[in-house]
Amino acid sequence: MKKYILDLMVNSVERLSEKHVLMRVTDVEPLPEMLPGQFVEVRVDGSSATFLRRPISINFVDRTKNELWLMVAMIGEGTRQLGRLQAGDKLNCVLPLGNGFSIQSGKTALHKTLLVGGGVGVAPLLYLGAELKQQGCEVTFLLGGRSAKDVLELDFFNKCGRVCVTTEDGTMGEQGFVTNHSVLAESFDMIFTCGPTPMMKAVARYAKEKDIECEASLENMMACGLGACLCCVEKTTEGNLCVCKEGPVFNTKRLLWQI
């Protein structure tokens, strides 16, 4: 898939929580094709301490408004600088990068799908859920957070499918971790997950026990996005692979996780 370097214009920056913002960016030309699970590398301007681009998952693509949505977790100087952007500012992006989720099969419409996310890992699942729904899939989201304030974009997720929630403190949904939710007593044909590695490993373990195909979007550190710097290497059944180039989405059977 062709890659682009674009100066996109910020349409809006919405505060989702104390640490998260939703940035909507656009272009004068139609945005290029982007698949659920792919990501962009954004340049951080105005920060003398930030030299490398930051990888941001594609949260959603709104073709009616020609908008790309990016959920930014403000956890370092670079991402905090991104959170300070305002409508009318420019954001330089390299996109689309990586390989997305496997949703192109003609059999996909028959699948009862479970999409499991935690923290900022919910970001790529919104676009994925919207595409699966459009293909006729039955979509269930299972979203987890430490508390209610950590469960993001609920209104948008509810438009794409059924939403189940867990929080560690019990302030929303069922109390506990995502792998303890009662919805897992149901049967599913395919599972997609993104979030903290321990959570994804637990989801992969559940999928293995139930003999369900599972894909995980890894969140390894990715400095270049093109497979050149080798800082995102993951051990797989095919040897060491760059997550930014061969992933970030992998079938969990390919990963050498001890599950």
C-alpha atoms as a PDB file:
ATOM      1  CA  MET A   1       0.000   0.000   0.000  1.00  0.00           C
ATOM      2  CA  LYS A   2       1.381   3.402  -0.983  1.00  0.00           C
ATOM      3  CA  LYS A   3       2.663   5.610   1.852  1.00  0.00           C
ATOM      4  CA  TYR A   4       2.311   9.382   2.060  1.00  0.00           C
ATOM      5  CA  ILE A   5       3.905  12.256   3.952  1.00  0.00           C
ATOM      6  CA  LEU A   6       1.148  14.812   4.455  1.00  0.00           C
ATOM      7  CA  ASP A   7       0.736  18.115   6.268  1.00  0.00           C
ATOM      8  CA  LEU A   8      -2.742  17.587   7.685  1.00  0.00           C
ATOM      9  CA  MET A   9      -4.818  20.321   9.265  1.00  0.00           C
ATOM     10  CA  VAL A  10      -6.207  19.920  12.762  1.00  0.00           C
ATOM     11  CA  ASN A  11     -10.003  20.320  12.745  1.00  0.00           C
ATOM     12  CA  SER A  12     -10.490  19.816  16.487  1.00  0.00           C
ATOM     13  CA  VAL A  13      -8.848  18.530  19.662  1.00  0.00           C
ATOM     14  CA  GLU A  14     -11.257  17.073  22.207  1.00  0.00           C
ATOM     15  CA  ARG A  15     -10.258  16.196  25.758  1.00  0.00           C
ATOM     16  CA  LEU A  16     -11.379  12.618  26.510  1.00  0.00           C
ATOM     17  CA  SER A  17      -9.814  12.317  29.950  1.00  0.00           C
ATOM     18  CA  GLU A  18      -7.075  13.854  32.045  1.00  0.00           C
ATOM     19  CA  LYS A  19      -4.469  12.089  29.896  1.00  0.00           C
ATOM     20  CA  HIS A  20      -6.173  11.531  26.530  1.00  0.00           C
ATOM     21  CA  VAL A  21      -7.263  13.733  23.644  1.00  0.00           C
ATOM     22  CA  LEU A  22      -9.078  12.932  20.417  1.00  0.00           C
ATOM     23  CA  MET A  23      -7.582  14.793  17.482  1.00  0.00           C
ATOM     24  CA  ARG A  24      -9.454  15.079  14.185  1.00  0.00           C
ATOM     25  CA  VAL A  25      -7.292  16.011  11.185  1.00  0.00           C
ATOM     26  CA  THR A  26      -8.101  16.533   7.518  1.00  0.00           C
ATOM     27  CA  ASP A  27      -6.629  17.443   4.131  1.00  0.00           C
ATOM     28  CA  VAL A  28      -7.711  19.442   1.111  1.00  0.00           C
ATOM     29  CA  GLU A  29      -7.499  16.238  -0.928  1.00  0.00           C
ATOM     30  CA  PRO A  30      -9.331  12.990  -0.103  1.00  0.00           C
ATOM     31  CA  LEU A  31      -7.432  11.068   2.552  1.00  0.00           C
ATOM     32  CA  PRO A  32      -5.615   7.953   1.288  1.00  0.00           C
ATOM     33  CA  GLU A  33      -6.910   4.452   1.893  1.00  0.00           C
ATOM     34  CA  MET A  34      -6.276   3.271   5.439  1.00  0.00           C
ATOM     35  CA  LEU A  35      -7.104  -0.073   7.044  1.00  0.00           C
ATOM     36  CA  PRO A  36      -8.145  -0.836  10.632  1.00  0.00           C
ATOM     37  CA  GLY A  37      -5.048  -1.693  12.635  1.00  0.00           C
ATOM     38  CA  GLN A  38      -2.661   0.509  10.663  1.00  0.00           C
ATOM     39  CA  PHE A  39      -0.979   3.520  12.250  1.00  0.00           C
ATOM     40  CA  VAL A  40       0.639   6.857  11.459  1.00  0.00           C
ATOM     41  CA  GLU A  41       3.960   8.389  12.492  1.00  0.00           C
ATOM     42  CA  VAL A  42       3.503  12.027  13.470  1.00  0.00           C
ATOM     43  CA  ARG A  43       6.178  14.712  13.689  1.00  0.00           C
ATOM     44  CA  VAL A  44       6.278  16.657  16.926  1.00  0.00           C
ATOM     45  CA  ASP A  45       6.953  20.321  16.226  1.00  0.00           C
ATOM     46  CA  GLY A  46       7.716  22.887  18.909  1.00  0.00           C
ATOM     47  CA  SER A  47       9.528  20.511  21.280  1.00  0.00           C
ATOM     48  CA  SER A  48      13.315  20.829  21.420  1.00  0.00           C
ATOM     49  CA  ALA A  49      13.551  17.548  23.351  1.00  0.00           C
ATOM     50  CA  THR A  50      11.600  15.455  20.833  1.00  0.00           C
ATOM     51  CA  PHE A  51      13.532  14.267  17.789  1.00  0.00           C
ATOM     52  CA  LEU A  52      11.674  11.153  16.676  1.00  0.00           C
ATOM     53  CA  ARG A  53       8.171  10.830  15.304  1.00  0.00           C
ATOM     54  CA  ARG A  54       5.490   9.292  17.490  1.00  0.00           C
ATOM     55  CA  PRO A  55       3.412   6.274  16.363  1.00  0.00           C
ATOM     56  CA  ILE A  56      -0.341   6.802  16.776  1.00  0.00           C
ATOM     57  CA  SER A  57      -3.008   4.190  15.986  1.00  0.00           C
ATOM     58  CA  ILE A  58      -5.690   5.052  13.462  1.00  0.00           C
ATOM     59  CA  ASN A  59      -8.735   5.510  15.676  1.00  0.00           C
ATOM     60  CA  PHE A  60     -11.288   6.110  12.919  1.00  0.00           C
ATOM     61  CA  VAL A  61     -11.596   7.387   9.357  1.00  0.00           C
ATOM     62  CA  ASP A  62     -14.682   9.516   8.681  1.00  0.00           C
ATOM     63  CA  ARG A  63     -15.006   9.588   4.899  1.00  0.00           C
ATOM     64  CA  THR A  64     -18.067  11.842   4.985  1.00  0.00           C
ATOM     65  CA  LYS A  65     -15.991  14.606   6.606  1.00  0.00           C
ATOM     66  CA  ASN A  66     -12.634  13.509   5.160  1.00  0.00           C
ATOM     67  CA  GLU A  67     -11.294  13.219   8.718  1.00  0.00           C
ATOM     68  CA  LEU A  68      -8.694  10.994  10.330  1.00  0.00           C
ATOM     69  CA  TRP A  69      -9.142  10.499  14.079  1.00  0.00           C
ATOM     70  CA  LEU A  70      -6.116  10.025  16.325  1.00  0.00           C
ATOM     71  CA  MET A  71      -6.362   9.237  20.037  1.00  0.00           C
ATOM     72  CA  VAL A  72      -3.290  10.590  21.807  1.00  0.00           C
ATOM     73  CA  ALA A  73      -2.216   9.437  25.272  1.00  0.00           C
ATOM     74  CA  MET A  74      -0.240  12.326  26.756  1.00  0.00           C
ATOM     75  CA  ILE A  75       2.420  10.412  28.666  1.00  0.00           C
ATOM     76  CA  GLY A  76       5.670  12.112  27.603  1.00  0.00           C
ATOM     77  CA  GLU A  77       6.970  15.442  26.356  1.00  0.00           C
ATOM     78  CA  GLY A  78       6.261  14.563  22.709  1.00  0.00           C
ATOM     79  CA  THR A  79       2.672  13.426  23.195  1.00  0.00           C
ATOM     80  CA  ARG A  80       1.980  16.279  25.629  1.00  0.00           C
ATOM     81  CA  GLN A  81       3.078  18.684  22.906  1.00  0.00           C
ATOM     82  CA  LEU A  82       0.670  16.990  20.481  1.00  0.00           C
ATOM     83  CA  GLY A  83      -2.104  17.465  23.039  1.00  0.00           C
ATOM     84  CA  ARG A  84      -1.484  21.223  22.954  1.00  0.00           C
ATOM     85  CA  LEU A  85      -2.353  21.506  19.257  1.00  0.00           C
ATOM     86  CA  GLN A  86      -5.409  23.536  18.353  1.00  0.00           C
ATOM     87  CA  ALA A  87      -7.825  23.770  15.436  1.00  0.00           C
ATOM     88  CA  GLY A  88      -6.044  25.230  12.420  1.00  0.00           C
ATOM     89  CA  ASP A  89      -2.604  23.861  13.336  1.00  0.00           C
ATOM     90  CA  LYS A  90      -0.696  21.554  10.995  1.00  0.00           C
ATOM     91  CA  LEU A  91       0.291  17.972  11.801  1.00  0.00           C
ATOM     92  CA  ASN A  92       2.880  16.264   9.600  1.00  0.00           C
ATOM     93  CA  CYS A  93       2.063  12.551   9.236  1.00  0.00           C
ATOM     94  CA  VAL A  94       3.549   9.528   7.500  1.00  0.00           C
ATOM     95  CA  LEU A  95       0.706   7.160   6.653  1.00  0.00           C
ATOM     96  CA  PRO A  96      -0.622   4.539   6.422  1.00  0.00           C
ATOM     97  CA  LEU A  97       1.949   2.291   8.073  1.00  0.00           C
ATOM     98  CA  GLY A  98       1.972  -1.378   9.042  1.00  0.00           C
ATOM     99  CA  ASN A  99      -0.481  -4.174   8.348  1.00  0.00           C
ATOM    100  CA  GLY A 100      -4.030  -4.148   9.631  1.00  0.00           C
ATOM    101  CA  PHE A 101      -6.477  -6.691  11.013  1.00  0.00           C
ATOM    102  CA  SER A 102      -7.676  -9.578   8.835  1.00  0.00           C
ATOM    103  CA  ILE A 103     -11.161  -8.511   7.856  1.00  0.00           C
ATOM    104  CA  GLN A 104     -11.032  -8.873   4.084  1.00  0.00           C
ATOM    105  CA  SER A 105     -12.024 -12.536   3.909  1.00  0.00           C
ATOM    106  CA  GLY A 106     -15.353 -13.311   2.284  1.00  0.00           C
ATOM    107  CA  LYS A 107     -16.182 -15.402   5.358  1.00  0.00           C
ATOM    108  CA  THR A 108     -15.893 -12.414   7.680  1.00  0.00           C
ATOM    109  CA  ALA A 109     -19.593 -11.570   7.438  1.00  0.00           C
ATOM    110  CA  LEU A 110     -20.407 -14.882   9.153  1.00  0.00           C
ATOM    111  CA  HIS A 111     -18.241 -14.156  12.166  1.00  0.00           C
ATOM    112  CA  LYS A 112     -19.440 -13.313  15.628  1.00  0.00           C
ATOM    113  CA  THR A 113     -16.513 -11.125  16.615  1.00  0.00           C
ATOM    114  CA  LEU A 114     -15.141 -10.061  19.995  1.00  0.00           C
ATOM    115  CA  LEU A 115     -12.953  -6.948  20.165  1.00  0.00           C
ATOM    116  CA  VAL A 116     -11.038  -6.625  23.450  1.00  0.00           C
ATOM    117  CA  GLY A 117      -9.233  -3.440  24.433  1.00  0.00           C
ATOM    118  CA  GLY A 118      -7.678  -1.838  27.468  1.00  0.00           C
ATOM    119  CA  GLY A 119      -6.535   1.743  28.061  1.00  0.00           C
ATOM    120  CA  VAL A 120      -5.446   3.577  24.923  1.00  0.00           C
ATOM    121  CA  GLY A 121      -5.424   0.145  23.249  1.00  0.00           C
ATOM    122  CA  VAL A 122      -9.122   0.632  22.537  1.00  0.00           C
ATOM    123  CA  ALA A 123      -8.169   3.179  19.851  1.00  0.00           C
ATOM    124  CA  PRO A 124      -7.770   0.889  16.779  1.00  0.00           C
ATOM    125  CA  LEU A 125     -10.828  -1.163  17.736  1.00  0.00           C
ATOM    126  CA  LEU A 126     -13.310   1.607  16.903  1.00  0.00           C
ATOM    127  CA  TYR A 127     -12.413   1.717  13.199  1.00  0.00           C
ATOM    128  CA  LEU A 128     -12.203  -2.085  13.144  1.00  0.00           C
ATOM    129  CA  GLY A 129     -15.640  -2.444  14.719  1.00  0.00           C
ATOM    130  CA  ALA A 130     -17.185   0.009  12.272  1.00  0.00           C
ATOM    131  CA  GLU A 131     -15.752  -1.885   9.296  1.00  0.00           C
ATOM    132  CA  LEU A 132     -16.852  -5.264  10.670  1.00  0.00           C
ATOM    133  CA  LYS A 133     -20.373  -3.963  11.243  1.00  0.00           C
ATOM    134  CA  GLN A 134     -20.485  -2.665   7.673  1.00  0.00           C
ATOM    135  CA  GLN A 135     -19.546  -6.152   6.471  1.00  0.00           C
ATOM    136  CA  GLY A 136     -22.454  -7.656   8.388  1.00  0.00           C
ATOM    137  CA  CYS A 137     -20.572  -9.004  11.404  1.00  0.00           C
ATOM    138  CA  GLU A 138     -22.027  -9.181  14.878  1.00  0.00           C
ATOM    139  CA  VAL A 139     -19.630  -7.023  16.902  1.00  0.00           C
ATOM    140  CA  THR A 140     -19.089  -7.191  20.661  1.00  0.00           C
ATOM    141  CA  PHE A 141     -16.630  -4.846  22.356  1.00  0.00           C
ATOM    142  CA  LEU A 142     -15.072  -5.766  25.687  1.00  0.00           C
ATOM    143  CA  LEU A 143     -13.371  -2.676  27.084  1.00  0.00           C
ATOM    144  CA  GLY A 144     -11.388  -2.468  30.291  1.00  0.00           C
ATOM    145  CA  GLY A 145      -9.931   0.242  32.496  1.00  0.00           C
ATOM    146  CA  ARG A 146      -8.827   0.912  36.030  1.00  0.00           C
ATOM    147  CA  SER A 147     -11.943   3.035  36.639  1.00  0.00           C
ATOM    148  CA  ALA A 148     -14.851   4.586  34.741  1.00  0.00           C
ATOM    149  CA  LYS A 149     -12.760   7.606  33.710  1.00  0.00           C
ATOM    150  CA  ASP A 150     -10.389   5.306  31.821  1.00  0.00           C
ATOM    151  CA  VAL A 151     -13.103   3.858  29.536  1.00  0.00           C
ATOM    152  CA  LEU A 152     -13.021   6.090  26.468  1.00  0.00           C
ATOM    153  CA  GLU A 153     -15.282   6.813  23.452  1.00  0.00           C
ATOM    154  CA  LEU A 154     -18.231   4.795  24.734  1.00  0.00           C
ATOM    155  CA  ASP A 155     -20.719   6.750  22.625  1.00  0.00           C
ATOM    156  CA  PHE A 156     -18.842   5.882  19.449  1.00  0.00           C
ATOM    157  CA  PHE A 157     -18.388   2.223  20.360  1.00  0.00           C
ATOM    158  CA  ASN A 158     -22.103   1.877  21.112  1.00  0.00           C
ATOM    159  CA  LYS A 159     -22.874   2.901  17.519  1.00  0.00           C
ATOM    160  CA  CYS A 160     -20.807   0.000  16.168  1.00  0.00           C
ATOM    161  CA  GLY A 161     -21.881  -2.900  18.365  1.00  0.00           C
ATOM    162  CA  ARG A 162     -22.655  -4.239  21.810  1.00  0.00           C
ATOM    163  CA  VAL A 163     -20.352  -2.829  24.490  1.00  0.00           C
ATOM    164  CA  CYS A 164     -19.281  -4.710  27.622  1.00  0.00           C
ATOM    165  CA  VAL A 165     -17.095  -3.005  30.234  1.00  0.00           C
ATOM    166  CA  THR A 166     -14.881  -4.023  33.126  1.00  0.00           C
ATOM    167  CA  THR A 167     -13.187  -1.745  35.636  1.00  0.00           C
ATOM    168  CA  GLU A 168     -10.756  -2.779  38.327  1.00  0.00           C
ATOM    169  CA  ASP A 169     -12.516  -0.648  40.955  1.00  0.00           C
ATOM    170  CA  GLY A 170     -16.054  -1.529  39.848  1.00  0.00           C
ATOM    171  CA  THR A 171     -17.078   2.051  38.988  1.00  0.00           C
ATOM    172  CA  MET A 172     -18.400   0.908  35.574  1.00  0.00           C
ATOM    173  CA  GLY A 173     -19.515  -2.441  34.236  1.00  0.00           C
ATOM    174  CA  GLU A 174     -18.320  -5.624  35.919  1.00  0.00           C
ATOM    175  CA  GLN A 175     -15.495  -5.406  38.431  1.00  0.00           C
ATOM    176  CA  GLY A 176     -12.228  -7.100  37.505  1.00  0.00           C
ATOM    177  CA  PHE A 177     -10.159  -7.648  34.380  1.00  0.00           C
ATOM    178  CA  VAL A 178     -11.504  -8.125  30.855  1.00  0.00           C
ATOM    179  CA  THR A 179     -10.732 -11.839  30.999  1.00  0.00           C
ATOM    180  CA  ASN A 180     -13.122 -12.182  33.968  1.00  0.00           C
ATOM    181  CA  HIS A 181     -16.157 -10.701  32.179  1.00  0.00           C
ATOM    182  CA  SER A 182     -19.257 -12.869  31.947  1.00  0.00           C
ATOM    183  CA  VAL A 183     -19.559 -12.274  28.187  1.00  0.00           C
ATOM    184  CA  LEU A 184     -16.676 -14.731  27.712  1.00  0.00           C
ATOM    185  CA  ALA A 185     -19.128 -17.526  28.485  1.00  0.00           C
ATOM    186  CA  GLU A 186     -20.530 -16.935  24.990  1.00  0.00           C
ATOM    187  CA  SER A 187     -19.014 -18.373  21.825  1.00  0.00           C
ATOM    188  CA  PHE A 188     -17.139 -16.276  19.273  1.00  0.00           C
ATOM    189  CA  ASP A 189     -15.638 -17.007  15.878  1.00  0.00           C
ATOM    190  CA  MET A 190     -12.847 -14.423  15.971  1.00  0.00           C
ATOM    191  CA  ILE A 191     -11.140 -12.268  18.590  1.00  0.00           C
ATOM    192  CA  PHE A 192      -9.191  -9.047  18.064  1.00  0.00           C
ATOM    193  CA  THR A 193      -7.296  -7.355  20.890  1.00  0.00           C
ATOM    194  CA  CYS A 194      -5.123  -4.351  21.641  1.00  0.00           C
ATOM    195  CA  GLY A 195      -3.843  -2.989  24.927  1.00  0.00           C
ATOM    196  CA  PRO A 196      -1.276  -3.732  27.625  1.00  0.00           C
ATOM    197  CA  THR A 197       0.784  -6.836  26.873  1.00  0.00           C
ATOM    198  CA  PRO A 198      -0.309  -8.768  29.997  1.00  0.00           C
ATOM    199  CA  MET A 199      -3.942  -8.212  29.014  1.00  0.00           C
ATOM    200  CA  MET A 200      -3.347  -9.350  25.431  1.00  0.00           C
ATOM    201  CA  LYS A 201      -1.509 -12.454  26.628  1.00  0.00           C
ATOM    202  CA  ALA A 202      -4.471 -13.303  28.863  1.00  0.00           C
ATOM    203  CA  VAL A 203      -6.847 -12.822  25.913  1.00  0.00           C
ATOM    204  CA  ALA A 204      -4.595 -14.988  23.730  1.00  0.00           C
ATOM    205  CA  ARG A 205      -4.623 -17.685  26.425  1.00  0.00           C
ATOM    206  CA  TYR A 206      -8.428 -17.616  26.504  1.00  0.00           C
ATOM    207  CA  ALA A 207      -8.556 -17.841  22.684  1.00  0.00           C
ATOM    208  CA  LYS A 208      -6.162 -20.791  22.694  1.00  0.00           C
ATOM    209  CA  GLU A 209      -8.230 -22.628  25.317  1.00  0.00           C
ATOM    210  CA  LYS A 210     -11.425 -22.042  23.308  1.00  0.00           C
ATOM    211  CA  ASP A 211      -9.723 -22.755  19.941  1.00  0.00           C
ATOM    212  CA  ILE A 212     -10.673 -19.337  18.571  1.00  0.00           C
ATOM    213  CA  GLU A 213      -8.559 -17.429  16.055  1.00  0.00           C
ATOM    214  CA  CYS A 214      -7.099 -14.315  17.691  1.00  0.00           C
ATOM    215  CA  GLU A 215      -5.224 -11.300  16.369  1.00  0.00           C
ATOM    216  CA  ALA A 216      -3.344  -8.850  18.590  1.00  0.00           C
ATOM    217  CA  SER A 217      -2.156  -5.353  17.744  1.00  0.00           C
ATOM    218  CA  LEU A 218       1.195  -4.947  19.489  1.00  0.00           C
ATOM    219  CA  GLU A 219       2.303  -1.703  21.079  1.00  0.00           C
ATOM    220  CA  ASN A 220       6.097  -2.119  20.926  1.00  0.00           C
ATOM    221  CA  MET A 221       8.161   1.053  20.800  1.00  0.00           C
ATOM    222  CA  MET A 222       8.303   2.134  17.145  1.00  0.00           C
ATOM    223  CA  ALA A 223      10.659   4.979  16.282  1.00  0.00           C
ATOM    224  CA  CYS A 224      10.799   4.897  12.479  1.00  0.00           C
ATOM    225  CA  GLY A 225       7.692   2.997  11.382  1.00  0.00           C
ATOM    226  CA  LEU A 226       9.539   1.524   8.397  1.00  0.00           C
ATOM    227  CA  GLY A 227      11.567  -1.365   9.845  1.00  0.00           C
ATOM    228  CA  ALA A 228      14.892   0.475   9.757  1.00  0.00           C
ATOM    229  CA  CYS A 229      15.714   1.193  13.403  1.00  0.00           C
ATOM    230  CA  LEU A 230      14.961  -2.339  14.731  1.00  0.00           C
ATOM    231  CA  CYS A 231      13.754  -1.073  18.125  1.00  0.00           C
ATOM    232  CA  CYS A 232      10.338  -2.765  17.791  1.00  0.00           C
ATOM    233  CA  VAL A 233      11.529  -6.337  17.083  1.00  0.00           C
ATOM    234  CA  GLU A 234       9.283  -9.153  18.331  1.00  0.00           C
ATOM    235  CA  LYS A 235      10.162 -12.851  18.563  1.00  0.00           C
ATOM    236  CA  THR A 236       7.840 -14.931  16.395  1.00  0.00           C
ATOM    237  CA  THR A 237       7.581 -18.422  14.934  1.00  0.00           C
ATOM    238  CA  GLU A 238       9.241 -16.952  11.813  1.00  0.00           C
ATOM    239  CA  GLY A 239      12.150 -15.380  13.683  1.00  0.00           C
ATOM    240  CA  ASN A 240      12.585 -11.794  14.836  1.00  0.00           C
ATOM    241  CA  LEU A 241      10.206  -9.455  13.000  1.00  0.00           C
ATOM    242  CA  CYS A 242       9.775  -5.677  13.072  1.00  0.00           C
ATOM    243  CA  VAL A 243       6.359  -4.896  14.526  1.00  0.00           C
ATOM    244  CA  CYS A 244       6.089  -1.634  12.599  1.00  0.00           C
ATOM    245  CA  LYS A 245       6.583  -3.350   9.223  1.00  0.00           C
ATOM    246  CA  GLU A 246       5.336  -6.930   9.652  1.00  0.00           C
ATOM    247  CA  GLY A 247       2.682  -5.900  12.190  1.00  0.00           C
ATOM    248  CA  PRO A 248       1.536  -4.261  14.315  1.00  0.00           C
ATOM    249  CA  VAL A 249      -1.192  -6.906  13.977  1.00  0.00           C
ATOM    250  CA  PHE A 250      -0.202 -10.552  14.407  1.00  0.00           C
ATOM    251  CA  ASN A 251      -2.157 -13.751  14.764  1.00  0.00           C
ATOM    252  CA  THR A 252      -1.294 -14.775  18.316  1.00  0.00           C
ATOM    253  CA  LYS A 253      -0.250 -18.217  17.075  1.00  0.00           C
ATOM    254  CA  ARG A 254       2.733 -16.517  15.441  1.00  0.00           C
ATOM    255  CA  LEU A 255       3.925 -14.943  18.699  1.00  0.00           C
ATOM    256  CA  LEU A 256       6.272 -16.742  21.071  1.00  0.00           C
ATOM    257  CA  TRP A 257       4.245 -15.770  24.124  1.00  0.00           C
ATOM    258  CA  GLN A 258       4.337 -18.085  27.112  1.00  0.00           C
ATOM    259  CA  ILE A 259       0.590 -18.564  27.489  1.00  0.00           C
END
